[in-house]
Amino acid sequence: MSQLENSDYLQTLISLKERILQAQYNSYSAVNSEMILAYLDIGKTISEKTATGWGTSVIKQLSTDLQSEFTGVKGFSERNLRLMRFVYEEIAENAIWQQAVAKLHWGHTVMIFSKIKDKTEREFYLQKAKNEAWSRSILEEKIKIDTYSNHKNFQNNFEKALSKQEMVAYTLQFKDEYDLSFLNLPDHHHEKQLENALVTNITKMLGQFGSDFAFMGQQFRLELDDKEYFIDILFYHRKLKSMIAIELKVNEFKPEYSQQLNWYLHLLDKTVKYPEDNPSIGILLCKSKSRLTVEYALEIANKPMGIATYSYAQLPKEFAENLPSAEQLSKIFSDEV
């Protein structure tokens, strides 16, 4: 490096050292976000310096000097410095991404930006990882099984029934298929059994739907002109500020199901919803569906709703019969003790 370049480099190094020291101090009270903001500042600096001529050797030297100054502190390898620049450049023009990244562990952010290229898909994983407090291993698994596609394929009429801003927020909260294998039900079950099992296992159910769902009731009663109507399960979504009416069907979707749900949502908005709440949403959970039939049925529904399916897997009978029961396992363990 020339004398001028060396002077510029030293000034930059001193500036970044001060920024890291400040972040370390503040991070004691602000947990992780302050250090993440420091990483983004480093990424910004490297991005700007690279544009003025910094090359590979300078970044390598910067890594060596930072690691020498902050011994025992991980995160300043040459590879990670390049990742800081990469992430900064990817989120520089997106305020929502910047806010999400600041509240995530750095490992989460790097994984999302390294593995996901599509902008909408990135936003999905950033928001879900933050809102659902996914660990890094859970995030990796969610990406591996392509959780995003399950949400993206969710059939709904939100585009017609909600504003554009509401539509994006609402769509990310629901899935096209829910795995209800955690329920202890026979393969052939009726709606009441399914409903009771979901309410009994409400904690696991919320694990499928999300932490922002607050349980309001089972067989939630609506009344009009001395006639009663009952919603199978009713939630309130704290982030969306909307009631979520869930109707359960243990058979294939039929168009009349969406018309019934449309009526329930109309009654909810007229008789239960507070003025400050957003429109109520309906989720029809069926054993199966024809996507074309659902598409046509949603065209004539004017209340926001989506049609999803649920899967339910059990061990084959011949395996289940040869497994010890909970009581037998308990006795085995007690005998061992």
Protein backbone atom coordinates (compact mmCIF):
# COMPACT_ATOMS: atom_id res chain seq x y z
CA MET A 1 0.00 0.00 0.00
CA SER A 2 1.18 3.58 -0.69
CA GLN A 3 1.67 6.05 2.17
CA LEU A 4 -1.70 7.68 1.40
CA GLU A 5 -3.42 4.30 1.24
CA ASN A 6 -1.67 3.22 4.45
CA SER A 7 -2.88 6.36 6.26
CA ASP A 8 -6.43 5.79 5.03
CA TYR A 9 -6.26 2.17 6.12
CA LEU A 10 -4.98 3.01 9.62
CA GLN A 11 -7.70 5.62 10.13
CA THR A 12 -10.31 3.12 9.01
CA LEU A 13 -8.91 0.42 11.31
CA ILE A 14 -8.96 2.79 14.31
CA SER A 15 -12.52 3.83 13.51
CA LEU A 16 -13.72 0.23 13.28
CA LYS A 17 -11.95 -0.74 16.51
CA GLU A 18 -13.78 2.08 18.32
CA ARG A 19 -17.08 0.96 16.81
CA ILE A 20 -16.53 -2.64 17.99
CA LEU A 21 -15.56 -1.53 21.51
CA GLN A 22 -18.72 0.57 21.70
CA ALA A 23 -20.79 -2.38 20.51
CA GLN A 24 -19.22 -4.73 23.06
CA TYR A 25 -20.03 -2.30 25.85
CA ASN A 26 -23.60 -1.71 24.70
CA SER A 27 -24.24 -5.39 24.01
CA TYR A 28 -24.23 -6.20 27.73
CA SER A 29 -27.56 -4.40 27.99
CA ALA A 30 -28.83 -4.84 24.44
CA VAL A 31 -27.99 -8.56 24.07
CA ASN A 32 -27.24 -9.34 20.41
CA SER A 33 -28.57 -6.46 18.33
CA GLU A 34 -25.80 -3.95 19.05
CA MET A 35 -23.09 -6.29 17.79
CA ILE A 36 -25.17 -7.08 14.70
CA LEU A 37 -25.45 -3.35 13.99
CA ALA A 38 -21.67 -3.15 14.35
CA TYR A 39 -21.29 -5.98 11.81
CA LEU A 40 -23.49 -4.04 9.39
CA ASP A 41 -21.43 -0.90 9.95
CA ILE A 42 -18.28 -2.90 9.19
CA GLY A 43 -19.98 -4.31 6.10
CA LYS A 44 -20.89 -0.80 4.99
CA THR A 45 -17.35 0.46 5.52
CA ILE A 46 -15.79 -2.43 3.59
CA SER A 47 -18.34 -2.01 0.80
CA GLU A 48 -17.52 1.70 0.46
CA LYS A 49 -13.76 1.12 0.66
CA THR A 50 -13.93 -1.70 -1.88
CA ALA A 51 -15.64 0.69 -4.27
CA THR A 52 -12.64 3.06 -3.92
CA GLY A 53 -10.03 0.39 -4.60
CA TRP A 54 -9.61 -1.88 -1.60
CA GLY A 55 -8.73 -5.38 -2.76
CA THR A 56 -8.52 -8.90 -1.31
CA SER A 57 -5.20 -8.30 0.44
CA VAL A 58 -6.53 -5.28 2.36
CA ILE A 59 -9.56 -7.17 3.67
CA LYS A 60 -7.26 -10.02 4.69
CA GLN A 61 -5.03 -7.56 6.58
CA LEU A 62 -8.07 -5.97 8.23
CA SER A 63 -9.16 -9.40 9.45
CA THR A 64 -5.71 -10.08 10.92
CA ASP A 65 -5.57 -6.73 12.71
CA LEU A 66 -9.09 -6.96 14.15
CA GLN A 67 -8.53 -10.49 15.42
CA SER A 68 -5.25 -9.41 16.96
CA GLU A 69 -6.92 -6.49 18.72
CA PHE A 70 -9.97 -8.45 19.92
CA THR A 71 -8.43 -11.76 20.94
CA GLY A 72 -10.97 -14.42 21.84
CA VAL A 73 -13.76 -12.62 20.03
CA LYS A 74 -15.16 -14.60 17.11
CA GLY A 75 -16.54 -13.02 13.98
CA PHE A 76 -13.64 -11.18 12.36
CA SER A 77 -12.32 -13.84 10.01
CA GLU A 78 -11.74 -12.80 6.41
CA ARG A 79 -14.75 -14.89 5.34
CA ASN A 80 -17.01 -13.23 7.92
CA LEU A 81 -15.87 -9.75 6.92
CA ARG A 82 -16.85 -10.57 3.34
CA LEU A 83 -20.22 -11.83 4.62
CA MET A 84 -20.71 -8.56 6.51
CA ARG A 85 -20.20 -6.68 3.25
CA PHE A 86 -22.45 -9.09 1.36
CA VAL A 87 -25.32 -8.82 3.88
CA TYR A 88 -25.00 -5.04 4.12
CA GLU A 89 -25.16 -4.65 0.33
CA GLU A 90 -28.18 -6.96 0.16
CA ILE A 91 -30.21 -5.06 2.79
CA ALA A 92 -28.95 -1.50 2.24
CA GLU A 93 -32.11 -0.37 0.45
CA ASN A 94 -34.60 -2.36 2.54
CA ALA A 95 -35.51 -0.85 5.94
CA ILE A 96 -37.65 -3.87 6.90
CA TRP A 97 -34.75 -6.25 6.36
CA GLN A 98 -32.42 -4.02 8.36
CA GLN A 99 -34.80 -4.09 11.33
CA ALA A 100 -35.22 -7.88 11.11
CA VAL A 101 -31.48 -8.55 10.80
CA ALA A 102 -30.75 -6.39 13.84
CA LYS A 103 -32.94 -8.68 15.95
CA LEU A 104 -31.54 -12.00 14.71
CA HIS A 105 -28.39 -13.92 15.55
CA TRP A 106 -25.72 -13.35 12.94
CA GLY A 107 -25.65 -17.07 12.10
CA HIS A 108 -29.37 -16.94 11.22
CA THR A 109 -28.85 -13.97 8.92
CA VAL A 110 -25.87 -15.49 7.14
CA MET A 111 -27.75 -18.75 6.61
CA ILE A 112 -30.80 -17.00 5.14
CA PHE A 113 -28.84 -14.73 2.80
CA SER A 114 -26.43 -17.47 1.73
CA LYS A 115 -29.07 -20.11 1.00
CA ILE A 116 -31.99 -17.97 -0.22
CA LYS A 117 -31.82 -15.71 -3.26
CA ASP A 118 -35.48 -14.77 -3.79
CA LYS A 119 -36.29 -11.51 -1.99
CA THR A 120 -39.81 -12.46 -0.90
CA GLU A 121 -38.59 -15.81 0.40
CA ARG A 122 -35.78 -14.10 2.33
CA GLU A 123 -38.26 -11.75 3.96
CA PHE A 124 -40.42 -14.72 4.91
CA TYR A 125 -37.59 -16.53 6.73
CA LEU A 126 -36.31 -13.33 8.36
CA GLN A 127 -39.74 -12.53 9.77
CA LYS A 128 -40.57 -16.10 10.81
CA ALA A 129 -37.17 -16.69 12.45
CA LYS A 130 -37.58 -13.46 14.42
CA ASN A 131 -41.27 -13.79 15.33
CA GLU A 132 -41.20 -17.52 16.11
CA ALA A 133 -37.77 -17.40 17.84
CA TRP A 134 -36.43 -20.26 15.70
CA SER A 135 -33.10 -21.72 16.76
CA ARG A 136 -30.45 -22.04 14.07
CA SER A 137 -31.09 -25.78 13.71
CA ILE A 138 -34.85 -25.21 13.36
CA LEU A 139 -34.24 -22.50 10.75
CA GLU A 140 -31.99 -24.85 8.81
CA GLU A 141 -34.65 -27.56 8.90
CA LYS A 142 -37.39 -25.12 7.84
CA ILE A 143 -35.32 -24.08 4.82
CA LYS A 144 -34.47 -27.71 4.02
CA ILE A 145 -38.12 -28.81 3.91
CA ASP A 146 -39.05 -25.66 1.95
CA THR A 147 -41.50 -24.24 4.50
CA TYR A 148 -41.85 -21.14 2.36
CA SER A 149 -43.53 -23.06 -0.48
CA ASN A 150 -46.15 -24.35 1.96
CA HIS A 151 -47.04 -20.77 2.85
CA LYS A 152 -46.75 -19.50 -0.72
CA ASN A 153 -49.15 -22.18 -2.00
CA PHE A 154 -51.78 -21.34 0.63
CA GLN A 155 -55.06 -20.76 -1.25
CA ASN A 156 -56.89 -17.63 -0.16
CA ASN A 157 -58.79 -14.59 -1.39
CA PHE A 158 -56.71 -12.06 0.56
CA GLU A 159 -55.76 -10.15 -2.58
CA LYS A 160 -59.44 -9.38 -3.19
CA ALA A 161 -60.63 -8.99 0.40
CA LEU A 162 -57.70 -7.09 1.97
CA SER A 163 -55.44 -4.16 1.19
CA LYS A 164 -52.07 -4.93 -0.43
CA GLN A 165 -50.18 -4.25 2.82
CA GLU A 166 -52.55 -6.43 4.84
CA MET A 167 -52.39 -9.18 2.22
CA VAL A 168 -48.61 -9.64 2.55
CA ALA A 169 -48.73 -9.70 6.36
CA TYR A 170 -51.67 -12.11 6.48
CA THR A 171 -50.37 -14.57 3.89
CA LEU A 172 -47.14 -15.17 5.82
CA GLN A 173 -49.12 -16.34 8.87
CA PHE A 174 -50.79 -19.37 7.30
CA LYS A 175 -49.85 -22.59 5.52
CA ASP A 176 -51.39 -24.68 2.77
CA GLU A 177 -51.07 -27.86 4.83
CA TYR A 178 -50.80 -28.48 8.56
CA ASP A 179 -49.20 -31.55 10.09
CA LEU A 180 -51.50 -32.78 12.87
CA SER A 181 -49.67 -36.05 13.48
CA PHE A 182 -49.19 -35.07 17.13
CA LEU A 183 -52.91 -35.78 17.78
CA ASN A 184 -53.75 -39.16 19.29
CA LEU A 185 -56.66 -39.92 16.96
CA PRO A 186 -57.77 -42.99 15.02
CA ASP A 187 -57.26 -42.83 11.25
CA HIS A 188 -61.01 -42.49 10.78
CA HIS A 189 -62.26 -39.72 13.06
CA HIS A 190 -65.12 -37.26 13.04
CA GLU A 191 -65.04 -33.47 13.36
CA LYS A 192 -65.83 -33.35 17.06
CA GLN A 193 -62.93 -35.72 17.82
CA LEU A 194 -60.59 -33.56 15.75
CA GLU A 195 -61.80 -30.37 17.40
CA ASN A 196 -61.50 -31.76 20.94
CA ALA A 197 -58.05 -33.18 20.24
CA LEU A 198 -56.82 -29.83 18.93
CA VAL A 199 -58.12 -27.95 21.96
CA THR A 200 -56.71 -30.59 24.34
CA ASN A 201 -53.34 -30.22 22.61
CA ILE A 202 -53.62 -26.45 22.31
CA THR A 203 -49.90 -25.86 23.00
CA LYS A 204 -48.86 -28.17 20.17
CA MET A 205 -51.53 -26.67 17.95
CA LEU A 206 -50.07 -23.21 18.54
CA GLY A 207 -46.72 -24.67 17.55
CA GLN A 208 -48.26 -25.33 14.13
CA PHE A 209 -50.07 -22.02 13.82
CA GLY A 210 -47.69 -19.59 15.53
CA SER A 211 -46.96 -17.82 18.82
CA ASP A 212 -49.12 -14.77 17.99
CA PHE A 213 -52.34 -16.79 18.12
CA ALA A 214 -54.34 -16.33 21.35
CA PHE A 215 -57.07 -18.88 22.06
CA MET A 216 -60.55 -17.35 22.44
CA GLY A 217 -62.76 -20.39 22.59
CA GLN A 218 -64.15 -23.65 21.29
CA GLN A 219 -67.62 -23.72 19.73
CA PHE A 220 -67.65 -19.92 19.98
CA ARG A 221 -71.28 -18.83 20.03
CA LEU A 222 -72.77 -16.22 17.68
CA GLU A 223 -76.41 -15.16 17.82
CA LEU A 224 -78.75 -13.33 15.45
CA ASP A 225 -82.58 -13.22 15.44
CA ASP A 226 -82.75 -15.84 18.21
CA LYS A 227 -80.69 -18.23 16.10
CA GLU A 228 -77.34 -19.60 17.24
CA TYR A 229 -74.22 -20.29 15.19
CA PHE A 230 -71.02 -21.88 16.47
CA ILE A 231 -67.44 -21.42 15.24
CA ASP A 232 -65.36 -24.55 15.85
CA ILE A 233 -62.27 -22.75 17.19
CA LEU A 234 -61.69 -19.00 17.50
CA PHE A 235 -58.33 -17.29 17.94
CA TYR A 236 -57.20 -13.68 18.15
CA HIS A 237 -53.99 -12.85 16.29
CA ARG A 238 -52.07 -10.27 18.31
CA LYS A 239 -49.89 -9.00 15.46
CA LEU A 240 -52.61 -8.84 12.82
CA LYS A 241 -55.18 -7.60 15.37
CA SER A 242 -57.77 -9.89 13.80
CA MET A 243 -59.98 -12.70 15.00
CA ILE A 244 -59.20 -16.00 13.27
CA ALA A 245 -62.15 -18.36 12.86
CA ILE A 246 -61.15 -21.96 12.17
CA GLU A 247 -63.67 -24.42 10.77
CA LEU A 248 -62.79 -28.11 10.66
CA LYS A 249 -63.88 -30.65 8.04
CA VAL A 250 -62.73 -34.28 8.06
CA ASN A 251 -63.59 -34.79 4.39
CA GLU A 252 -62.88 -33.12 1.05
CA PHE A 253 -63.61 -29.42 0.61
CA LYS A 254 -67.08 -28.52 -0.66
CA PRO A 255 -68.05 -25.02 -1.93
CA GLU A 256 -70.83 -24.68 0.64
CA TYR A 257 -68.22 -24.83 3.41
CA SER A 258 -66.73 -21.49 2.31
CA GLN A 259 -70.19 -19.91 2.13
CA GLN A 260 -70.91 -20.99 5.71
CA LEU A 261 -67.56 -19.59 6.86
CA ASN A 262 -68.24 -16.35 4.97
CA TRP A 263 -71.46 -15.94 6.99
CA TYR A 264 -69.66 -16.62 10.28
CA LEU A 265 -67.04 -13.97 9.46
CA HIS A 266 -69.76 -11.46 8.61
CA LEU A 267 -71.41 -12.08 11.99
CA LEU A 268 -68.08 -11.81 13.81
CA ASP A 269 -67.38 -8.43 12.24
CA LYS A 270 -70.90 -7.18 12.92
CA THR A 271 -71.39 -8.42 16.48
CA VAL A 272 -68.02 -9.19 18.10
CA LYS A 273 -65.22 -7.21 16.44
CA TYR A 274 -64.04 -4.02 18.12
CA PRO A 275 -63.78 -0.87 15.97
CA GLU A 276 -59.98 -0.86 16.26
CA ASP A 277 -59.68 -4.48 15.11
CA ASN A 278 -58.93 -5.51 11.54
CA PRO A 279 -61.36 -7.70 9.54
CA SER A 280 -61.84 -11.22 10.84
CA ILE A 281 -60.19 -14.03 8.90
CA GLY A 282 -61.46 -17.53 8.25
CA ILE A 283 -59.39 -20.68 7.86
CA LEU A 284 -61.16 -23.79 6.59
CA LEU A 285 -59.13 -26.88 7.49
CA CYS A 286 -60.13 -29.89 5.38
CA LYS A 287 -58.82 -33.42 4.97
CA SER A 288 -58.34 -32.85 1.24
CA LYS A 289 -59.26 -30.41 -1.50
CA SER A 290 -59.43 -29.88 -5.23
CA ARG A 291 -57.38 -26.76 -5.89
CA LEU A 292 -59.58 -25.80 -8.83
CA THR A 293 -62.79 -26.14 -6.80
CA VAL A 294 -61.24 -24.03 -4.03
CA GLU A 295 -60.16 -21.40 -6.54
CA TYR A 296 -63.69 -21.07 -7.93
CA ALA A 297 -65.30 -21.05 -4.47
CA LEU A 298 -63.00 -18.28 -3.22
CA GLU A 299 -63.99 -16.09 -6.16
CA ILE A 300 -67.50 -15.68 -4.72
CA ALA A 301 -66.45 -15.26 -1.07
CA ASN A 302 -66.14 -11.60 -0.06
CA LYS A 303 -64.68 -12.10 3.44
CA PRO A 304 -60.94 -12.85 3.85
CA MET A 305 -60.43 -16.60 4.12
CA GLY A 306 -58.10 -19.39 3.16
CA ILE A 307 -58.57 -23.09 2.52
CA ALA A 308 -55.91 -25.44 3.90
CA THR A 309 -55.60 -29.18 4.40
CA TYR A 310 -54.22 -31.23 7.24
CA SER A 311 -52.13 -34.37 7.19
CA TYR A 312 -52.32 -37.02 9.85
CA ALA A 313 -49.87 -39.92 9.99
CA GLN A 314 -49.85 -42.86 12.35
CA LEU A 315 -47.70 -45.95 12.62
CA PRO A 316 -49.11 -48.95 10.72
CA LYS A 317 -51.35 -51.07 12.94
CA GLU A 318 -49.00 -54.08 12.85
CA PHE A 319 -46.17 -51.90 14.24
CA ALA A 320 -48.32 -50.07 16.78
CA GLU A 321 -49.69 -53.33 18.20
CA ASN A 322 -46.17 -54.57 18.98
CA LEU A 323 -45.00 -51.39 20.67
CA PRO A 324 -45.25 -51.12 24.48
CA SER A 325 -47.93 -48.82 25.85
CA ALA A 326 -47.17 -45.77 28.01
CA GLU A 327 -48.07 -47.81 31.12
CA GLN A 328 -45.78 -50.64 30.08
CA LEU A 329 -42.91 -48.24 29.42
CA SER A 330 -43.45 -46.62 32.80
CA LYS A 331 -43.31 -50.03 34.50
CA ILE A 332 -40.14 -50.99 32.58
CA PHE A 333 -38.35 -47.80 33.68
CA SER A 334 -39.52 -48.12 37.29
CA ASP A 335 -38.34 -51.73 37.41
CA GLU A 336 -34.95 -50.68 36.07
CA VAL A 337 -34.65 -48.06 38.77
